[in-house]
């Protein structure tokens, strides 16, 4: 049975916590090489080393149009994210062929 993981970056007061991004991207990529499907909802930071080392050419990338907005269980809406977002999909050891 194939494993699947879905995660998003932690956000504190509208700011993505970048201290763990590199480790999270490395972990997601490594788990995908073990035939796990991994889906990430993360900031579209194409200028970072982790994007080029662990995402570009190694995963499917879907850019989200506009800025994400979230609401809690009580229906309270929060301000839009201050950054663009993307969905990154690792398909269990399958590269997108651009690396």
N, C-alpha and C. Protein backbone atom coordinates (compact mmCIF):
# COMPACT_ATOMS: atom_id res chain seq x y z
N UNK A 1 0.84 -1.18 0.00
CA UNK A 1 0.00 0.00 0.00
C UNK A 1 0.88 1.23 0.00
N UNK A 2 0.62 2.17 -0.91
CA UNK A 2 1.40 3.40 -0.98
C UNK A 2 1.03 4.34 0.15
N UNK A 3 2.02 5.04 0.65
CA UNK A 3 1.79 6.03 1.68
C UNK A 3 1.58 7.39 1.03
N UNK A 4 0.83 8.24 1.70
CA UNK A 4 0.62 9.60 1.21
C UNK A 4 0.69 10.54 2.41
N UNK A 5 1.36 11.67 2.22
CA UNK A 5 1.44 12.69 3.27
C UNK A 5 1.05 14.02 2.66
N UNK A 6 0.30 14.80 3.42
CA UNK A 6 -0.09 16.14 3.00
C UNK A 6 0.30 17.08 4.13
N UNK A 7 0.98 18.18 3.77
CA UNK A 7 1.35 19.13 4.82
C UNK A 7 1.44 20.53 4.25
N UNK A 8 1.46 21.50 5.15
CA UNK A 8 1.66 22.89 4.76
C UNK A 8 2.60 23.51 5.77
N UNK A 9 3.20 24.60 5.37
CA UNK A 9 4.16 25.26 6.24
C UNK A 9 3.46 25.95 7.40
N UNK A 10 4.07 25.93 8.58
CA UNK A 10 3.46 26.62 9.72
C UNK A 10 3.46 28.13 9.50
N UNK A 11 2.36 28.76 9.88
CA UNK A 11 2.25 30.22 9.76
C UNK A 11 1.97 30.78 11.14
N UNK A 12 2.75 31.77 11.54
CA UNK A 12 2.56 32.43 12.82
C UNK A 12 2.29 33.90 12.53
N UNK A 13 1.10 34.37 12.88
CA UNK A 13 0.69 35.76 12.64
C UNK A 13 0.90 36.17 11.19
N UNK A 14 0.55 35.30 10.27
CA UNK A 14 0.65 35.63 8.85
C UNK A 14 2.03 35.50 8.25
N UNK A 15 3.01 35.06 9.03
CA UNK A 15 4.39 34.94 8.54
C UNK A 15 4.78 33.46 8.55
N UNK A 16 5.29 32.98 7.43
CA UNK A 16 5.73 31.59 7.36
C UNK A 16 7.01 31.44 8.18
N UNK A 17 7.07 30.38 8.96
CA UNK A 17 8.25 30.11 9.77
C UNK A 17 9.29 29.45 8.87
N UNK A 18 10.31 30.21 8.44
CA UNK A 18 11.28 29.72 7.47
C UNK A 18 12.38 28.86 8.08
N UNK A 19 12.51 28.86 9.39
CA UNK A 19 13.62 28.15 10.01
C UNK A 19 13.62 26.66 9.72
N UNK A 20 12.46 26.10 9.43
CA UNK A 20 12.38 24.66 9.19
C UNK A 20 12.11 24.31 7.74
N UNK A 21 12.01 25.29 6.84
CA UNK A 21 11.65 25.01 5.44
C UNK A 21 12.62 24.06 4.77
N UNK A 22 13.91 24.31 4.90
CA UNK A 22 14.90 23.46 4.24
C UNK A 22 14.77 22.03 4.72
N UNK A 23 14.67 21.84 6.05
CA UNK A 23 14.55 20.48 6.58
C UNK A 23 13.26 19.81 6.13
N UNK A 24 12.17 20.57 6.07
CA UNK A 24 10.88 20.01 5.63
C UNK A 24 10.92 19.60 4.16
N UNK A 25 11.53 20.43 3.33
CA UNK A 25 11.60 20.10 1.91
C UNK A 25 12.49 18.88 1.68
N UNK A 26 13.60 18.81 2.40
CA UNK A 26 14.49 17.66 2.29
C UNK A 26 13.76 16.39 2.74
N UNK A 27 13.04 16.46 3.85
CA UNK A 27 12.29 15.31 4.37
C UNK A 27 11.21 14.88 3.38
N UNK A 28 10.48 15.83 2.81
CA UNK A 28 9.43 15.50 1.83
C UNK A 28 10.03 14.80 0.62
N UNK A 29 11.13 15.34 0.11
CA UNK A 29 11.78 14.73 -1.05
C UNK A 29 12.27 13.32 -0.72
N UNK A 30 12.92 13.15 0.43
CA UNK A 30 13.44 11.83 0.81
C UNK A 30 12.32 10.81 1.00
N UNK A 31 11.21 11.23 1.62
CA UNK A 31 10.08 10.31 1.80
C UNK A 31 9.48 9.92 0.45
N UNK A 32 9.47 10.86 -0.50
CA UNK A 32 8.92 10.53 -1.82
C UNK A 32 9.78 9.49 -2.53
N UNK A 33 11.08 9.49 -2.24
CA UNK A 33 11.97 8.51 -2.86
C UNK A 33 11.73 7.11 -2.31
N UNK A 34 11.02 7.01 -1.20
CA UNK A 34 10.64 5.71 -0.63
C UNK A 34 9.26 5.29 -1.14
N UNK A 35 8.84 5.88 -2.26
CA UNK A 35 7.56 5.57 -2.92
C UNK A 35 6.35 6.13 -2.18
N UNK A 36 6.54 7.16 -1.39
CA UNK A 36 5.41 7.83 -0.76
C UNK A 36 5.00 9.00 -1.64
N UNK A 37 3.70 9.23 -1.75
CA UNK A 37 3.21 10.43 -2.41
C UNK A 37 3.13 11.53 -1.36
N UNK A 38 3.73 12.66 -1.66
CA UNK A 38 3.78 13.77 -0.71
C UNK A 38 3.22 15.01 -1.39
N UNK A 39 2.27 15.67 -0.73
CA UNK A 39 1.65 16.88 -1.26
C UNK A 39 1.90 18.00 -0.28
N UNK A 40 2.45 19.11 -0.79
CA UNK A 40 2.79 20.25 0.06
C UNK A 40 2.06 21.50 -0.41
N UNK A 41 1.53 22.26 0.52
CA UNK A 41 1.00 23.59 0.24
C UNK A 41 1.97 24.55 0.92
N UNK A 42 2.75 25.25 0.11
CA UNK A 42 3.83 26.07 0.65
C UNK A 42 3.91 27.41 -0.08
N UNK A 43 4.61 28.38 0.52
CA UNK A 43 4.84 29.64 -0.19
C UNK A 43 5.62 29.40 -1.48
N UNK A 44 5.29 30.14 -2.52
CA UNK A 44 5.98 30.01 -3.81
C UNK A 44 7.27 30.83 -3.74
N UNK A 45 8.28 30.25 -3.15
CA UNK A 45 9.57 30.91 -2.99
C UNK A 45 10.57 30.29 -3.95
N UNK A 46 10.49 30.69 -5.21
CA UNK A 46 11.34 30.10 -6.24
C UNK A 46 12.78 30.60 -6.19
N UNK A 47 13.06 31.56 -5.33
CA UNK A 47 14.42 32.10 -5.20
C UNK A 47 15.22 31.43 -4.09
N UNK A 48 14.66 30.41 -3.46
CA UNK A 48 15.33 29.77 -2.32
C UNK A 48 16.15 28.56 -2.77
N UNK A 49 17.14 28.22 -1.97
CA UNK A 49 17.95 27.04 -2.29
C UNK A 49 17.12 25.77 -2.20
N UNK A 50 16.18 25.68 -1.23
CA UNK A 50 15.39 24.45 -1.12
C UNK A 50 14.49 24.24 -2.33
N UNK A 51 14.02 25.33 -2.96
CA UNK A 51 13.22 25.18 -4.17
C UNK A 51 14.04 24.51 -5.26
N UNK A 52 15.26 24.98 -5.46
CA UNK A 52 16.11 24.44 -6.52
C UNK A 52 16.71 23.08 -6.16
N UNK A 53 16.97 22.84 -4.88
CA UNK A 53 17.57 21.57 -4.46
C UNK A 53 16.56 20.43 -4.35
N UNK A 54 15.32 20.74 -3.92
CA UNK A 54 14.38 19.67 -3.59
C UNK A 54 13.05 19.71 -4.34
N UNK A 55 12.75 20.78 -5.08
CA UNK A 55 11.45 20.87 -5.74
C UNK A 55 11.58 20.93 -7.26
N UNK A 56 12.30 21.92 -7.77
CA UNK A 56 12.38 22.14 -9.22
C UNK A 56 13.02 20.92 -9.90
N UNK A 57 12.29 20.35 -10.83
CA UNK A 57 12.76 19.18 -11.56
C UNK A 57 12.58 17.87 -10.82
N UNK A 58 12.02 17.94 -9.62
CA UNK A 58 11.84 16.73 -8.82
C UNK A 58 10.38 16.50 -8.44
N UNK A 59 9.53 17.48 -8.71
CA UNK A 59 8.12 17.39 -8.30
C UNK A 59 7.24 18.13 -9.30
N UNK A 60 5.95 17.84 -9.23
CA UNK A 60 4.97 18.62 -9.98
C UNK A 60 4.74 19.90 -9.19
N UNK A 61 4.61 21.01 -9.89
CA UNK A 61 4.40 22.30 -9.24
C UNK A 61 3.15 22.93 -9.82
N UNK A 62 2.25 23.34 -8.96
CA UNK A 62 1.04 24.06 -9.37
C UNK A 62 0.99 25.37 -8.59
N UNK A 63 1.07 26.48 -9.31
CA UNK A 63 1.01 27.78 -8.65
C UNK A 63 -0.45 28.15 -8.40
N UNK A 64 -0.73 28.66 -7.21
CA UNK A 64 -2.08 29.05 -6.82
C UNK A 64 -2.30 30.50 -7.24
N UNK A 65 -3.35 30.73 -7.98
CA UNK A 65 -3.66 32.09 -8.42
C UNK A 65 -4.21 32.91 -7.25
N UNK A 66 -3.71 34.11 -7.09
CA UNK A 66 -4.16 34.96 -5.99
C UNK A 66 -3.50 34.58 -4.68
N UNK A 67 -4.00 35.13 -3.62
CA UNK A 67 -3.46 34.87 -2.27
C UNK A 67 -4.46 34.06 -1.47
N UNK A 68 -3.96 33.08 -0.75
CA UNK A 68 -4.84 32.22 0.05
C UNK A 68 -5.41 32.98 1.24
N UNK A 69 -6.62 32.63 1.58
CA UNK A 69 -7.28 33.15 2.79
C UNK A 69 -7.75 31.94 3.58
N UNK A 70 -7.65 32.02 4.88
CA UNK A 70 -8.08 30.92 5.73
C UNK A 70 -9.15 31.41 6.69
N UNK A 71 -9.94 30.45 7.17
CA UNK A 71 -10.89 30.75 8.23
C UNK A 71 -10.87 29.60 9.21
N UNK A 72 -11.22 29.90 10.46
CA UNK A 72 -11.20 28.86 11.47
C UNK A 72 -12.56 28.17 11.55
N UNK A 73 -12.69 27.24 12.48
CA UNK A 73 -13.91 26.44 12.60
C UNK A 73 -15.13 27.29 12.91
N UNK A 74 -14.92 28.44 13.54
CA UNK A 74 -16.03 29.33 13.90
C UNK A 74 -16.42 30.25 12.74
N UNK A 75 -15.70 30.15 11.63
CA UNK A 75 -16.02 30.97 10.48
C UNK A 75 -15.34 32.33 10.45
N UNK A 76 -14.43 32.58 11.40
CA UNK A 76 -13.68 33.84 11.39
C UNK A 76 -12.67 33.82 10.26
N UNK A 77 -12.72 34.83 9.41
CA UNK A 77 -11.80 34.91 8.26
C UNK A 77 -10.57 35.70 8.65
N UNK A 78 -9.45 35.29 8.10
CA UNK A 78 -8.18 35.96 8.35
C UNK A 78 -7.72 36.67 7.10
N UNK A 79 -6.81 37.63 7.26
CA UNK A 79 -6.27 38.36 6.12
C UNK A 79 -5.64 37.39 5.13
N UNK A 80 -5.57 37.82 3.88
CA UNK A 80 -4.93 37.00 2.85
C UNK A 80 -3.45 36.84 3.17
N UNK A 81 -2.90 35.74 2.74
CA UNK A 81 -1.46 35.49 2.94
C UNK A 81 -0.67 36.61 2.25
N UNK A 82 0.45 37.02 2.84
CA UNK A 82 1.26 38.08 2.24
C UNK A 82 2.22 37.57 1.17
N UNK A 83 2.02 36.35 0.72
CA UNK A 83 2.93 35.73 -0.25
C UNK A 83 2.12 34.84 -1.20
N UNK A 84 2.65 34.58 -2.40
CA UNK A 84 1.99 33.63 -3.30
C UNK A 84 2.23 32.20 -2.79
N UNK A 85 1.39 31.29 -3.25
CA UNK A 85 1.49 29.90 -2.79
C UNK A 85 1.60 28.95 -3.98
N UNK A 86 2.05 27.74 -3.67
CA UNK A 86 2.11 26.69 -4.68
C UNK A 86 1.82 25.34 -4.02
N UNK A 87 1.31 24.45 -4.85
CA UNK A 87 1.11 23.06 -4.42
C UNK A 87 2.21 22.26 -5.09
N UNK A 88 2.94 21.50 -4.29
CA UNK A 88 4.04 20.67 -4.78
C UNK A 88 3.66 19.22 -4.54
N UNK A 89 3.77 18.40 -5.59
CA UNK A 89 3.39 16.99 -5.49
C UNK A 89 4.59 16.12 -5.88
N UNK A 90 5.01 15.29 -4.94
CA UNK A 90 6.00 14.25 -5.22
C UNK A 90 5.21 12.96 -5.40
N UNK A 91 5.41 12.29 -6.51
CA UNK A 91 4.64 11.09 -6.81
C UNK A 91 5.47 9.83 -6.62
N UNK A 92 5.84 9.56 -5.40
CA UNK A 92 6.47 8.29 -5.06
C UNK A 92 7.67 7.90 -5.88
N UNK A 93 8.68 8.77 -5.94
CA UNK A 93 9.92 8.45 -6.62
C UNK A 93 9.91 8.78 -8.10
N UNK A 94 8.84 9.39 -8.62
CA UNK A 94 8.75 9.76 -10.02
C UNK A 94 9.13 11.21 -10.19
N UNK A 95 10.17 11.48 -10.98
CA UNK A 95 10.59 12.84 -11.27
C UNK A 95 9.74 13.42 -12.39
N UNK A 96 9.68 14.75 -12.49
CA UNK A 96 8.93 15.35 -13.60
C UNK A 96 9.76 15.39 -14.88
N UNK A 97 11.01 14.92 -14.82
CA UNK A 97 11.82 14.77 -16.01
C UNK A 97 12.66 15.97 -16.40
N UNK A 98 12.64 17.05 -15.60
CA UNK A 98 13.40 18.23 -15.97
C UNK A 98 14.76 18.31 -15.27
N UNK A 99 15.09 17.34 -14.43
CA UNK A 99 16.39 17.43 -13.76
C UNK A 99 17.48 16.71 -14.51
